[in-house]
Protein backbone atom coordinates (compact mmCIF):
# COMPACT_ATOMS: atom_id res chain seq x y z
CA MET A 1 -70.34 -183.31 -139.49
CA GLU A 2 -71.36 -182.84 -142.92
CA THR A 3 -72.74 -186.37 -144.53
CA ILE A 4 -72.58 -187.36 -147.63
CA GLU A 5 -75.20 -189.21 -149.96
CA ILE A 6 -74.31 -192.72 -151.47
CA LYS A 7 -75.41 -195.29 -153.70
CA ILE A 8 -74.85 -199.22 -153.99
CA ARG A 9 -75.60 -200.69 -156.86
CA ASN A 10 -75.88 -204.36 -158.40
CA VAL A 11 -76.17 -205.44 -155.20
CA ASP A 12 -77.39 -209.19 -154.87
CA ALA A 13 -81.44 -209.66 -153.45
CA ASP A 14 -80.70 -212.61 -150.78
CA VAL A 15 -78.13 -209.32 -149.30
CA ILE A 16 -80.48 -207.22 -149.22
CA ALA A 17 -83.37 -209.24 -147.83
CA LYS A 18 -80.45 -210.37 -144.97
CA ILE A 19 -79.70 -206.58 -144.40
CA ASP A 20 -83.49 -206.24 -143.84
CA ARG A 21 -84.05 -209.09 -142.05
CA LEU A 22 -81.09 -208.13 -139.01
CA ALA A 23 -82.48 -204.03 -139.75
CA SER A 24 -85.78 -205.34 -138.58
CA GLN A 25 -84.69 -207.17 -135.53
CA LYS A 26 -82.67 -203.88 -134.29
CA ASP A 27 -86.09 -202.60 -135.21
CA GLN A 28 -83.66 -200.30 -137.78
CA SER A 29 -84.24 -198.94 -141.36
CA ARG A 30 -82.15 -200.73 -143.82
CA GLU A 31 -80.74 -197.38 -144.20
CA GLU A 32 -79.62 -196.74 -140.28
CA PHE A 33 -78.81 -199.88 -140.31
CA ILE A 34 -76.20 -199.67 -142.94
CA ARG A 35 -75.17 -195.86 -141.98
CA ARG A 36 -74.40 -197.56 -137.83
CA LEU A 37 -72.18 -200.68 -139.74
CA LEU A 38 -70.61 -198.40 -142.08
CA ARG A 39 -69.66 -196.31 -138.67
CA ARG A 40 -68.94 -199.48 -137.15
CA PHE A 41 -66.43 -200.47 -139.38
CA THR A 42 -64.84 -197.67 -139.48
CA ASP A 43 -64.05 -197.03 -135.95
CA THR A 44 -60.42 -197.88 -135.63
CA SER A 45 -60.68 -199.51 -132.06
CA PHE A 46 -63.15 -201.59 -133.90
CA MET A 47 -61.12 -203.00 -136.51
CA GLN A 48 -58.13 -203.41 -134.37
CA ASP A 49 -60.18 -205.78 -132.26
CA ILE A 50 -60.93 -207.81 -135.49
CA VAL A 51 -57.36 -208.20 -135.99
CA ASP A 52 -56.52 -209.40 -133.08
CA GLN A 53 -59.31 -211.85 -132.61
CA VAL A 54 -57.78 -213.18 -136.37
CA GLU A 55 -54.22 -212.91 -134.70
CA VAL A 56 -55.58 -215.59 -131.54
CA GLU A 57 -57.30 -217.73 -134.06
CA LYS A 58 -54.25 -217.72 -136.22
CA LEU A 59 -52.04 -218.64 -132.99
CA LEU A 60 -54.94 -221.23 -131.81
CA LEU A 61 -54.89 -222.67 -134.83
CA ASP A 62 -51.21 -223.56 -135.09
CA VAL A 63 -51.75 -224.69 -131.20
CA ALA A 64 -54.06 -227.54 -133.26
CA ASN A 65 -51.94 -228.11 -135.82
CA HIS A 66 -48.35 -228.94 -133.95
CA ILE A 67 -50.93 -231.11 -130.96
CA HIS A 68 -51.94 -232.87 -134.43
CA GLU A 69 -48.80 -233.64 -135.40
CA GLN A 70 -47.19 -235.03 -131.92
CA ASN A 71 -50.15 -236.60 -131.73
CA LYS A 72 -49.54 -238.53 -135.29
CA GLU A 73 -46.11 -238.56 -134.08
CA LEU A 74 -46.60 -240.32 -130.82
CA GLU A 75 -49.60 -242.94 -132.57
CA ARG A 76 -46.32 -243.98 -135.32
CA MET A 77 -44.17 -244.06 -131.93
CA LEU A 78 -46.74 -246.79 -130.05
CA ASN A 79 -47.35 -248.50 -133.11
CA GLU A 80 -43.45 -249.42 -134.06
CA GLN A 81 -43.48 -250.51 -130.37
CA LYS A 82 -46.16 -253.58 -130.93
């Protein structure tokens, strides 16, 4: 597989520090860590997993909001009976 060199400019120092810390935790160089991260990020199954997770989180949020609205309505009804 052909490889191409890329250069990223103007990256905040705190971002680089976090990348270095994460790479160190995996006993990897910064370069290797970013290379693997890019490969994983561009893997279509990985991306689909993220999309699926976001969809589930949206559904859960909708359900939580619905339950919250129902609870508010029940509370209002109970207060009216007093």
